[in-house]
Amino acid sequence: MAPQNTSQAIEALAAEIGENIYIDVAKWHLYLANAHLHTVLAEKLYPLISDRTLSESLVLKILESTPVKLGGGKRELPLSDLLPTQCQVNLLDILEEFQRNL
């Protein structure tokens, strides 16, 4: 894949993630696009898709290693702690679908 195509693929993946995956805080849904986390996450996840190494355990490791600053940086939690289980399942579905369409 040419670099421009890779950039476009990452942008498309980021858009899909940003519109469909959210952080749950006190039953309030903050979509990753609004939290400005969708592109960072897409950049970390795209190699799993392009290398055909996508697995639930690798996705969870990426979520666990993606820090989210709270309270102006007073605290930091892994993204995996902020995503409801259903969003994690949906994320994996999105990634699998994206991989099929490559």
N, C-alpha and C. Protein backbone atom coordinates (compact mmCIF):
# COMPACT_ATOMS: atom_id res chain seq x y z
N MET A 1 0.84 -1.18 0.00
CA MET A 1 0.00 0.00 0.00
C MET A 1 0.88 1.24 0.00
N ALA A 2 0.56 2.20 -0.82
CA ALA A 2 1.32 3.45 -0.88
C ALA A 2 1.05 4.27 0.37
N PRO A 3 2.02 5.11 0.78
CA PRO A 3 1.82 5.92 1.98
C PRO A 3 0.53 6.73 1.98
N GLN A 4 0.17 7.32 0.83
CA GLN A 4 -1.05 8.11 0.78
C GLN A 4 -2.26 7.21 1.07
N ASN A 5 -2.27 6.01 0.50
CA ASN A 5 -3.37 5.08 0.75
C ASN A 5 -3.41 4.65 2.21
N THR A 6 -2.23 4.46 2.81
CA THR A 6 -2.17 4.11 4.22
C THR A 6 -2.75 5.23 5.07
N SER A 7 -2.37 6.46 4.76
CA SER A 7 -2.90 7.61 5.50
C SER A 7 -4.42 7.69 5.36
N GLN A 8 -4.91 7.46 4.16
CA GLN A 8 -6.35 7.50 3.94
C GLN A 8 -7.05 6.37 4.69
N ALA A 9 -6.42 5.20 4.72
CA ALA A 9 -7.00 4.06 5.44
C ALA A 9 -7.05 4.35 6.94
N ILE A 10 -5.98 4.93 7.47
CA ILE A 10 -5.96 5.26 8.90
C ILE A 10 -7.02 6.31 9.21
N GLU A 11 -7.17 7.30 8.33
CA GLU A 11 -8.20 8.32 8.54
C GLU A 11 -9.59 7.71 8.51
N ALA A 12 -9.83 6.78 7.58
CA ALA A 12 -11.13 6.12 7.50
C ALA A 12 -11.39 5.27 8.74
N LEU A 13 -10.36 4.56 9.19
CA LEU A 13 -10.50 3.76 10.40
C LEU A 13 -10.75 4.65 11.61
N ALA A 14 -10.03 5.75 11.70
CA ALA A 14 -10.21 6.69 12.80
C ALA A 14 -11.64 7.25 12.82
N ALA A 15 -12.16 7.57 11.65
CA ALA A 15 -13.53 8.08 11.57
C ALA A 15 -14.53 7.05 12.07
N GLU A 16 -14.34 5.80 11.66
CA GLU A 16 -15.24 4.72 12.08
C GLU A 16 -15.16 4.51 13.59
N ILE A 17 -13.96 4.50 14.12
CA ILE A 17 -13.78 4.35 15.57
C ILE A 17 -14.38 5.55 16.31
N GLY A 18 -14.10 6.74 15.83
CA GLY A 18 -14.55 7.96 16.49
C GLY A 18 -16.05 8.10 16.57
N GLU A 19 -16.75 7.59 15.56
CA GLU A 19 -18.21 7.70 15.51
C GLU A 19 -18.93 6.61 16.29
N ASN A 20 -18.25 5.50 16.57
CA ASN A 20 -18.94 4.34 17.13
C ASN A 20 -18.46 3.87 18.50
N ILE A 21 -17.28 4.29 18.92
CA ILE A 21 -16.72 3.81 20.17
C ILE A 21 -16.67 4.99 21.15
N TYR A 22 -17.07 4.72 22.39
CA TYR A 22 -17.15 5.79 23.37
C TYR A 22 -16.59 5.37 24.73
N ILE A 23 -16.23 6.38 25.47
CA ILE A 23 -15.84 6.25 26.87
C ILE A 23 -17.11 6.46 27.68
N ASP A 24 -17.30 5.65 28.70
CA ASP A 24 -18.47 5.79 29.57
C ASP A 24 -18.01 6.37 30.91
N VAL A 25 -18.51 7.57 31.21
CA VAL A 25 -18.21 8.23 32.48
C VAL A 25 -19.55 8.59 33.12
N ALA A 26 -19.87 7.93 34.23
CA ALA A 26 -21.12 8.18 34.94
C ALA A 26 -22.33 8.11 34.00
N LYS A 27 -22.33 7.08 33.14
CA LYS A 27 -23.39 6.84 32.15
C LYS A 27 -23.46 7.93 31.09
N TRP A 28 -22.40 8.71 30.96
CA TRP A 28 -22.30 9.74 29.94
C TRP A 28 -21.36 9.19 28.87
N HIS A 29 -21.77 9.22 27.60
CA HIS A 29 -20.98 8.65 26.52
C HIS A 29 -20.19 9.74 25.81
N LEU A 30 -18.88 9.64 25.92
CA LEU A 30 -17.99 10.56 25.22
C LEU A 30 -17.35 9.78 24.09
N TYR A 31 -17.79 10.06 22.87
CA TYR A 31 -17.27 9.34 21.71
C TYR A 31 -15.80 9.71 21.49
N LEU A 32 -15.03 8.73 21.01
CA LEU A 32 -13.59 8.92 20.90
C LEU A 32 -13.22 10.06 19.96
N ALA A 33 -14.07 10.37 18.98
CA ALA A 33 -13.79 11.53 18.12
C ALA A 33 -13.84 12.82 18.95
N ASN A 34 -14.81 12.92 19.83
CA ASN A 34 -14.93 14.11 20.67
C ASN A 34 -13.83 14.19 21.71
N ALA A 35 -13.31 13.03 22.12
CA ALA A 35 -12.23 12.97 23.10
C ALA A 35 -10.85 13.09 22.44
N HIS A 36 -10.85 13.19 21.11
CA HIS A 36 -9.61 13.31 20.32
C HIS A 36 -8.70 12.10 20.54
N LEU A 37 -9.30 10.93 20.65
CA LEU A 37 -8.53 9.70 20.83
C LEU A 37 -8.64 8.76 19.63
N HIS A 38 -9.54 9.06 18.70
CA HIS A 38 -9.79 8.15 17.59
C HIS A 38 -8.60 7.99 16.65
N THR A 39 -7.90 9.07 16.34
CA THR A 39 -6.76 8.99 15.43
C THR A 39 -5.58 8.27 16.08
N VAL A 40 -5.31 8.60 17.32
CA VAL A 40 -4.23 7.94 18.05
C VAL A 40 -4.47 6.43 18.09
N LEU A 41 -5.70 6.06 18.39
CA LEU A 41 -6.04 4.64 18.48
C LEU A 41 -5.95 3.97 17.10
N ALA A 42 -6.45 4.63 16.07
CA ALA A 42 -6.39 4.07 14.72
C ALA A 42 -4.93 3.86 14.28
N GLU A 43 -4.06 4.81 14.61
CA GLU A 43 -2.64 4.67 14.25
C GLU A 43 -2.00 3.47 14.95
N LYS A 44 -2.44 3.18 16.16
CA LYS A 44 -1.89 2.04 16.90
C LYS A 44 -2.47 0.71 16.40
N LEU A 45 -3.73 0.74 15.99
CA LEU A 45 -4.42 -0.49 15.60
C LEU A 45 -4.21 -0.86 14.13
N TYR A 46 -3.97 0.11 13.29
CA TYR A 46 -3.86 -0.16 11.85
C TYR A 46 -2.80 -1.20 11.50
N PRO A 47 -1.63 -1.18 12.13
CA PRO A 47 -0.64 -2.22 11.80
C PRO A 47 -1.14 -3.65 12.04
N LEU A 48 -2.00 -3.85 13.02
CA LEU A 48 -2.57 -5.18 13.25
C LEU A 48 -3.42 -5.61 12.07
N ILE A 49 -4.11 -4.65 11.48
CA ILE A 49 -4.98 -4.93 10.34
C ILE A 49 -4.14 -5.18 9.10
N SER A 50 -3.21 -4.29 8.83
CA SER A 50 -2.42 -4.39 7.60
C SER A 50 -1.47 -5.58 7.62
N ASP A 51 -0.98 -5.97 8.80
CA ASP A 51 -0.09 -7.12 8.92
C ASP A 51 -0.84 -8.43 9.11
N ARG A 52 -2.18 -8.34 9.19
CA ARG A 52 -3.03 -9.52 9.39
C ARG A 52 -2.71 -10.24 10.70
N THR A 53 -2.39 -9.45 11.74
CA THR A 53 -2.10 -10.02 13.06
C THR A 53 -3.18 -9.65 14.09
N LEU A 54 -4.32 -9.23 13.59
CA LEU A 54 -5.41 -8.78 14.46
C LEU A 54 -5.88 -9.92 15.37
N SER A 55 -5.92 -9.63 16.66
CA SER A 55 -6.46 -10.58 17.64
C SER A 55 -7.02 -9.78 18.81
N GLU A 56 -7.94 -10.38 19.52
CA GLU A 56 -8.55 -9.71 20.66
C GLU A 56 -7.50 -9.36 21.71
N SER A 57 -6.57 -10.27 21.97
CA SER A 57 -5.56 -10.02 23.00
C SER A 57 -4.64 -8.85 22.62
N LEU A 58 -4.28 -8.72 21.36
CA LEU A 58 -3.44 -7.60 20.94
C LEU A 58 -4.20 -6.28 21.01
N VAL A 59 -5.46 -6.30 20.65
CA VAL A 59 -6.28 -5.09 20.74
C VAL A 59 -6.40 -4.66 22.20
N LEU A 60 -6.63 -5.61 23.09
CA LEU A 60 -6.73 -5.29 24.52
C LEU A 60 -5.42 -4.73 25.06
N LYS A 61 -4.29 -5.27 24.61
CA LYS A 61 -2.99 -4.74 25.03
C LYS A 61 -2.82 -3.29 24.59
N ILE A 62 -3.27 -2.98 23.38
CA ILE A 62 -3.19 -1.60 22.89
C ILE A 62 -4.10 -0.69 23.71
N LEU A 63 -5.30 -1.15 24.00
CA LEU A 63 -6.21 -0.35 24.83
C LEU A 63 -5.63 -0.13 26.22
N GLU A 64 -5.00 -1.16 26.77
CA GLU A 64 -4.39 -1.04 28.09
C GLU A 64 -3.19 -0.11 28.09
N SER A 65 -2.51 -0.01 26.97
CA SER A 65 -1.30 0.82 26.90
C SER A 65 -1.57 2.22 26.36
N THR A 66 -2.85 2.55 26.16
CA THR A 66 -3.21 3.89 25.68
C THR A 66 -3.71 4.70 26.87
N PRO A 67 -2.89 5.63 27.36
CA PRO A 67 -3.29 6.41 28.54
C PRO A 67 -4.29 7.51 28.19
N VAL A 68 -5.20 7.74 29.11
CA VAL A 68 -6.17 8.82 28.99
C VAL A 68 -6.02 9.69 30.23
N LYS A 69 -5.70 10.96 30.01
CA LYS A 69 -5.53 11.89 31.14
C LYS A 69 -6.89 12.41 31.57
N LEU A 70 -7.09 12.44 32.88
CA LEU A 70 -8.34 12.92 33.47
C LEU A 70 -8.03 14.06 34.43
N GLY A 71 -8.99 14.93 34.60
CA GLY A 71 -8.83 16.01 35.57
C GLY A 71 -7.66 16.92 35.25
N GLY A 72 -7.49 17.25 33.99
CA GLY A 72 -6.40 18.14 33.60
C GLY A 72 -5.03 17.50 33.80
N GLY A 73 -5.00 16.16 33.75
CA GLY A 73 -3.73 15.47 33.89
C GLY A 73 -3.41 15.01 35.30
N LYS A 74 -4.33 15.25 36.24
CA LYS A 74 -4.10 14.82 37.63
C LYS A 74 -4.05 13.30 37.73
N ARG A 75 -4.83 12.65 36.90
CA ARG A 75 -4.87 11.18 36.89
C ARG A 75 -4.76 10.70 35.46
N GLU A 76 -4.34 9.47 35.34
CA GLU A 76 -4.23 8.84 34.04
C GLU A 76 -4.74 7.41 34.17
N LEU A 77 -5.65 7.03 33.28
CA LEU A 77 -6.18 5.67 33.28
C LEU A 77 -5.99 5.07 31.89
N PRO A 78 -5.84 3.76 31.81
CA PRO A 78 -5.76 3.13 30.50
C PRO A 78 -7.13 3.20 29.81
N LEU A 79 -7.12 3.36 28.52
CA LEU A 79 -8.36 3.43 27.75
C LEU A 79 -9.23 2.20 28.00
N SER A 80 -8.61 1.06 28.21
CA SER A 80 -9.37 -0.18 28.44
C SER A 80 -10.28 -0.06 29.67
N ASP A 81 -9.89 0.73 30.66
CA ASP A 81 -10.71 0.91 31.86
C ASP A 81 -11.91 1.82 31.64
N LEU A 82 -11.89 2.59 30.57
CA LEU A 82 -12.95 3.56 30.32
C LEU A 82 -13.96 3.12 29.27
N LEU A 83 -13.61 2.08 28.51
CA LEU A 83 -14.52 1.58 27.47
C LEU A 83 -15.41 0.47 28.05
N PRO A 84 -16.72 0.59 27.89
CA PRO A 84 -17.59 -0.51 28.31
C PRO A 84 -17.25 -1.77 27.50
N THR A 85 -17.56 -2.92 28.06
CA THR A 85 -17.27 -4.18 27.38
C THR A 85 -17.89 -4.21 25.98
N GLN A 86 -19.11 -3.73 25.85
CA GLN A 86 -19.76 -3.75 24.54
C GLN A 86 -19.00 -2.90 23.52
N CYS A 87 -18.41 -1.81 23.95
CA CYS A 87 -17.62 -0.98 23.03
C CYS A 87 -16.35 -1.71 22.61
N GLN A 88 -15.77 -2.48 23.52
CA GLN A 88 -14.59 -3.26 23.16
C GLN A 88 -14.95 -4.32 22.12
N VAL A 89 -16.11 -4.95 22.29
CA VAL A 89 -16.59 -5.93 21.32
C VAL A 89 -16.86 -5.25 19.98
N ASN A 90 -17.51 -4.09 20.03
CA ASN A 90 -17.80 -3.34 18.81
C ASN A 90 -16.53 -2.91 18.11
N LEU A 91 -15.52 -2.52 18.87
CA LEU A 91 -14.25 -2.12 18.29
C LEU A 91 -13.62 -3.29 17.54
N LEU A 92 -13.64 -4.45 18.13
CA LEU A 92 -13.09 -5.62 17.47
C LEU A 92 -13.87 -5.93 16.19
N ASP A 93 -15.18 -5.80 16.23
CA ASP A 93 -16.01 -6.00 15.03
C ASP A 93 -15.64 -5.02 13.94
N ILE A 94 -15.46 -3.76 14.32
CA ILE A 94 -15.07 -2.72 13.35
C ILE A 94 -13.73 -3.07 12.72
N LEU A 95 -12.78 -3.49 13.53
CA LEU A 95 -11.45 -3.83 13.02
C LEU A 95 -11.50 -5.04 12.09
N GLU A 96 -12.27 -6.04 12.46
CA GLU A 96 -12.39 -7.23 11.61
C GLU A 96 -13.03 -6.87 10.27
N GLU A 97 -14.07 -6.06 10.30
CA GLU A 97 -14.74 -5.63 9.07
C GLU A 97 -13.79 -4.80 8.21
N PHE A 98 -13.06 -3.91 8.84
CA PHE A 98 -12.11 -3.06 8.12
C PHE A 98 -11.04 -3.93 7.46
N GLN A 99 -10.58 -4.96 8.16
CA GLN A 99 -9.56 -5.85 7.61
C GLN A 99 -10.11 -6.63 6.41
N ARG A 100 -11.35 -7.08 6.49
CA ARG A 100 -11.97 -7.80 5.36
C ARG A 100 -12.05 -6.91 4.11
N ASN A 101 -12.24 -5.63 4.34
CA ASN A 101 -12.43 -4.71 3.20
C ASN A 101 -11.12 -4.17 2.63
N LEU A 102 -9.99 -4.51 3.23
CA LEU A 102 -8.70 -4.04 2.70
C LEU A 102 -8.32 -4.77 1.45
